[in-house]
């Protein structure tokens, strides 16, 4: 069995944002040479997320409104965590959106449903953050 590991780095130039990282993950599969196996893709930071959904801008705006209703950024004073940093809402948003995805690799490609894409979700941006891609298989 082969194993492949790569870290991707993202810097979203706003507090929150979403980036379709599917092409970068597909490049990792090509680099790995793995044709059949499993791919893990996870955020290595507790205020960002990796998730699978549709690449549709209206949906991304819906995510933003939904998450802001559940864990509003302000007032900062509503959170016990806020003190040194004002990012408690980002921790909660990450918990809702999830840490990672696992996708089957079949014939050297992501084995996706029709509209599925992999996204990086940022909830406390404006600095470099890492995403791990780990692929195992043959």
C-alpha atoms as a PDB file:
ATOM      1  CA  UNK A   1       0.000   0.000   0.000  1.00  0.00           C
ATOM      2  CA  UNK A   2       1.235   3.501  -0.870  1.00  0.00           C
ATOM      3  CA  UNK A   3       0.869   6.606   1.254  1.00  0.00           C
ATOM      4  CA  UNK A   4       0.978  10.272   0.195  1.00  0.00           C
ATOM      5  CA  UNK A   5       0.951  13.425   2.327  1.00  0.00           C
ATOM      6  CA  UNK A   6       0.855  17.095   1.354  1.00  0.00           C
ATOM      7  CA  UNK A   7       0.023  20.328   3.160  1.00  0.00           C
ATOM      8  CA  UNK A   8      -1.843  23.043   1.277  1.00  0.00           C
ATOM      9  CA  UNK A   9      -1.669  26.620   2.574  1.00  0.00           C
ATOM     10  CA  UNK A  10      -4.496  29.142   2.306  1.00  0.00           C
ATOM     11  CA  UNK A  11      -4.783  32.799   3.257  1.00  0.00           C
ATOM     12  CA  UNK A  12      -8.306  34.163   2.867  1.00  0.00           C
ATOM     13  CA  UNK A  13      -8.133  37.978   2.795  1.00  0.00           C
ATOM     14  CA  UNK A  14     -11.263  38.436   4.914  1.00  0.00           C
ATOM     15  CA  UNK A  15     -12.504  37.134   8.242  1.00  0.00           C
ATOM     16  CA  UNK A  16     -14.715  34.532   6.548  1.00  0.00           C
ATOM     17  CA  UNK A  17     -14.777  32.936   3.122  1.00  0.00           C
ATOM     18  CA  UNK A  18     -15.039  29.743   1.098  1.00  0.00           C
ATOM     19  CA  UNK A  19     -12.663  28.356  -1.520  1.00  0.00           C
ATOM     20  CA  UNK A  20     -13.234  25.422  -3.848  1.00  0.00           C
ATOM     21  CA  UNK A  21     -10.086  23.327  -3.386  1.00  0.00           C
ATOM     22  CA  UNK A  22     -11.186  20.382  -5.539  1.00  0.00           C
ATOM     23  CA  UNK A  23      -8.641  21.081  -8.326  1.00  0.00           C
ATOM     24  CA  UNK A  24      -5.780  21.215  -5.801  1.00  0.00           C
ATOM     25  CA  UNK A  25      -6.901  17.940  -4.219  1.00  0.00           C
ATOM     26  CA  UNK A  26      -7.198  16.331  -7.656  1.00  0.00           C
ATOM     27  CA  UNK A  27      -3.610  17.419  -8.353  1.00  0.00           C
ATOM     28  CA  UNK A  28      -2.550  15.627  -5.174  1.00  0.00           C
ATOM     29  CA  UNK A  29      -4.135  12.406  -6.456  1.00  0.00           C
ATOM     30  CA  UNK A  30      -2.193  12.751  -9.710  1.00  0.00           C
ATOM     31  CA  UNK A  31       1.063  13.412  -7.784  1.00  0.00           C
ATOM     32  CA  UNK A  32       0.450  10.408  -5.541  1.00  0.00           C
ATOM     33  CA  UNK A  33       0.028   7.935  -8.374  1.00  0.00           C
ATOM     34  CA  UNK A  34      -2.629   6.190  -6.291  1.00  0.00           C
ATOM     35  CA  UNK A  35      -5.472   4.780  -8.399  1.00  0.00           C
ATOM     36  CA  UNK A  36      -7.596   3.016  -5.760  1.00  0.00           C
ATOM     37  CA  UNK A  37      -7.836   4.084  -2.132  1.00  0.00           C
ATOM     38  CA  UNK A  38      -9.030   6.730   0.275  1.00  0.00           C
ATOM     39  CA  UNK A  39      -8.305  10.431   0.524  1.00  0.00           C
ATOM     40  CA  UNK A  40      -8.497  12.376   3.783  1.00  0.00           C
ATOM     41  CA  UNK A  41      -8.534  16.158   3.587  1.00  0.00           C
ATOM     42  CA  UNK A  42      -8.671  18.091   6.853  1.00  0.00           C
ATOM     43  CA  UNK A  43      -8.126  21.531   8.249  1.00  0.00           C
ATOM     44  CA  UNK A  44      -5.176  21.771  10.624  1.00  0.00           C
ATOM     45  CA  UNK A  45      -6.658  24.800  12.414  1.00  0.00           C
ATOM     46  CA  UNK A  46      -9.552  25.044  14.846  1.00  0.00           C
ATOM     47  CA  UNK A  47     -11.147  28.057  13.140  1.00  0.00           C
ATOM     48  CA  UNK A  48     -11.378  26.668   9.602  1.00  0.00           C
ATOM     49  CA  UNK A  49     -13.131  23.756   7.955  1.00  0.00           C
ATOM     50  CA  UNK A  50     -13.047  21.335   5.047  1.00  0.00           C
ATOM     51  CA  UNK A  51     -16.406  20.146   3.755  1.00  0.00           C
ATOM     52  CA  UNK A  52     -18.170  18.812   0.658  1.00  0.00           C
ATOM     53  CA  UNK A  53     -21.051  20.596  -1.029  1.00  0.00           C
ATOM     54  CA  UNK A  54     -22.192  22.278  -4.241  1.00  0.00           C
ATOM     55  CA  UNK A  55     -20.162  25.118  -5.797  1.00  0.00           C
ATOM     56  CA  UNK A  56     -22.985  27.639  -6.001  1.00  0.00           C
ATOM     57  CA  UNK A  57     -22.557  31.243  -4.840  1.00  0.00           C
ATOM     58  CA  UNK A  58     -26.099  31.542  -3.486  1.00  0.00           C
ATOM     59  CA  UNK A  59     -25.505  28.497  -1.315  1.00  0.00           C
ATOM     60  CA  UNK A  60     -22.291  30.031   0.013  1.00  0.00           C
ATOM     61  CA  UNK A  61     -24.213  33.179   0.994  1.00  0.00           C
ATOM     62  CA  UNK A  62     -26.774  30.902   2.676  1.00  0.00           C
ATOM     63  CA  UNK A  63     -23.960  29.235   4.663  1.00  0.00           C
ATOM     64  CA  UNK A  64     -22.824  32.664   5.828  1.00  0.00           C
ATOM     65  CA  UNK A  65     -26.306  33.741   6.981  1.00  0.00           C
ATOM     66  CA  UNK A  66     -27.009  30.358   8.613  1.00  0.00           C
ATOM     67  CA  UNK A  67     -23.719  30.296  10.526  1.00  0.00           C
ATOM     68  CA  UNK A  68     -24.015  33.924  11.577  1.00  0.00           C
ATOM     69  CA  UNK A  69     -27.475  33.215  13.044  1.00  0.00           C
ATOM     70  CA  UNK A  70     -26.142  30.219  14.994  1.00  0.00           C
ATOM     71  CA  UNK A  71     -22.853  31.801  16.141  1.00  0.00           C
ATOM     72  CA  UNK A  72     -22.847  35.560  15.531  1.00  0.00           C
ATOM     73  CA  UNK A  73     -19.448  37.238  15.463  1.00  0.00           C
ATOM     74  CA  UNK A  74     -20.605  40.197  17.590  1.00  0.00           C
ATOM     75  CA  UNK A  75     -20.998  41.267  20.282  1.00  0.00           C
ATOM     76  CA  UNK A  76     -17.671  39.744  21.247  1.00  0.00           C
ATOM     77  CA  UNK A  77     -18.652  39.987  24.905  1.00  0.00           C
ATOM     78  CA  UNK A  78     -21.278  37.235  24.509  1.00  0.00           C
ATOM     79  CA  UNK A  79     -18.556  34.563  24.526  1.00  0.00           C
ATOM     80  CA  UNK A  80     -16.526  33.350  27.509  1.00  0.00           C
ATOM     81  CA  UNK A  81     -13.686  32.325  25.163  1.00  0.00           C
ATOM     82  CA  UNK A  82     -13.098  35.857  23.905  1.00  0.00           C
ATOM     83  CA  UNK A  83     -10.324  37.607  25.745  1.00  0.00           C
ATOM     84  CA  UNK A  84      -6.965  37.366  24.056  1.00  0.00           C
ATOM     85  CA  UNK A  85      -8.637  36.825  20.663  1.00  0.00           C
ATOM     86  CA  UNK A  86     -12.165  37.692  19.535  1.00  0.00           C
ATOM     87  CA  UNK A  87     -12.780  34.498  17.580  1.00  0.00           C
ATOM     88  CA  UNK A  88     -15.092  32.308  19.669  1.00  0.00           C
ATOM     89  CA  UNK A  89     -17.663  32.431  16.876  1.00  0.00           C
ATOM     90  CA  UNK A  90     -15.067  30.994  14.454  1.00  0.00           C
ATOM     91  CA  UNK A  91     -14.511  27.980  16.718  1.00  0.00           C
ATOM     92  CA  UNK A  92     -18.257  27.339  16.844  1.00  0.00           C
ATOM     93  CA  UNK A  93     -18.701  27.766  13.082  1.00  0.00           C
ATOM     94  CA  UNK A  94     -15.905  25.267  12.457  1.00  0.00           C
ATOM     95  CA  UNK A  95     -17.610  22.761  14.741  1.00  0.00           C
ATOM     96  CA  UNK A  96     -20.821  23.114  12.729  1.00  0.00           C
ATOM     97  CA  UNK A  97     -19.145  22.831   9.285  1.00  0.00           C
ATOM     98  CA  UNK A  98     -16.774  20.042  10.265  1.00  0.00           C
ATOM     99  CA  UNK A  99     -13.059  19.341  10.286  1.00  0.00           C
ATOM    100  CA  UNK A 100     -12.514  16.937   7.388  1.00  0.00           C
ATOM    101  CA  UNK A 101     -13.766  14.907   4.473  1.00  0.00           C
ATOM    102  CA  UNK A 102     -12.943  11.374   3.377  1.00  0.00           C
ATOM    103  CA  UNK A 103     -13.441  10.544  -0.299  1.00  0.00           C
ATOM    104  CA  UNK A 104     -12.957   7.298  -2.185  1.00  0.00           C
ATOM    105  CA  UNK A 105     -10.391   7.349  -4.967  1.00  0.00           C
ATOM    106  CA  UNK A 106     -11.469   5.174  -7.888  1.00  0.00           C
ATOM    107  CA  UNK A 107      -9.488   4.827 -11.117  1.00  0.00           C
ATOM    108  CA  UNK A 108      -7.309   7.762 -10.019  1.00  0.00           C
ATOM    109  CA  UNK A 109     -10.211  10.166  -9.505  1.00  0.00           C
ATOM    110  CA  UNK A 110     -12.359  11.465  -6.650  1.00  0.00           C
ATOM    111  CA  UNK A 111     -15.428   9.226  -6.529  1.00  0.00           C
ATOM    112  CA  UNK A 112     -17.999  12.025  -6.209  1.00  0.00           C
ATOM    113  CA  UNK A 113     -21.699  12.485  -6.680  1.00  0.00           C
ATOM    114  CA  UNK A 114     -22.858  14.809  -9.456  1.00  0.00           C
ATOM    115  CA  UNK A 115     -22.428  18.207  -7.759  1.00  0.00           C
ATOM    116  CA  UNK A 116     -19.967  17.375  -4.987  1.00  0.00           C
ATOM    117  CA  UNK A 117     -16.884  19.556  -4.571  1.00  0.00           C
ATOM    118  CA  UNK A 118     -14.384  19.988  -1.711  1.00  0.00           C
ATOM    119  CA  UNK A 119     -14.266  23.367   0.013  1.00  0.00           C
ATOM    120  CA  UNK A 120     -12.036  25.136   2.479  1.00  0.00           C
ATOM    121  CA  UNK A 121     -14.117  27.253   4.861  1.00  0.00           C
ATOM    122  CA  UNK A 122     -12.434  30.102   6.728  1.00  0.00           C
ATOM    123  CA  UNK A 123     -13.992  31.628   9.839  1.00  0.00           C
ATOM    124  CA  UNK A 124     -11.079  33.681  11.258  1.00  0.00           C
ATOM    125  CA  UNK A 125      -8.958  34.583   8.247  1.00  0.00           C
ATOM    126  CA  UNK A 126      -6.255  36.981   7.137  1.00  0.00           C
ATOM    127  CA  UNK A 127      -3.380  34.636   7.957  1.00  0.00           C
ATOM    128  CA  UNK A 128      -1.859  31.445   6.592  1.00  0.00           C
ATOM    129  CA  UNK A 129      -3.614  28.223   7.507  1.00  0.00           C
ATOM    130  CA  UNK A 130      -2.828  24.638   6.528  1.00  0.00           C
ATOM    131  CA  UNK A 131      -4.928  21.844   5.109  1.00  0.00           C
ATOM    132  CA  UNK A 132      -3.647  18.264   5.110  1.00  0.00           C
ATOM    133  CA  UNK A 133      -4.205  15.917   2.184  1.00  0.00           C
ATOM    134  CA  UNK A 134      -3.451  12.270   3.004  1.00  0.00           C
ATOM    135  CA  UNK A 135      -4.035   9.513   0.471  1.00  0.00           C
ATOM    136  CA  UNK A 136      -3.585   5.790   1.044  1.00  0.00           C
ATOM    137  CA  UNK A 137      -4.089   3.014  -1.458  1.00  0.00           C
ATOM    138  CA  UNK A 138      -2.530   1.404  -4.492  1.00  0.00           C
END
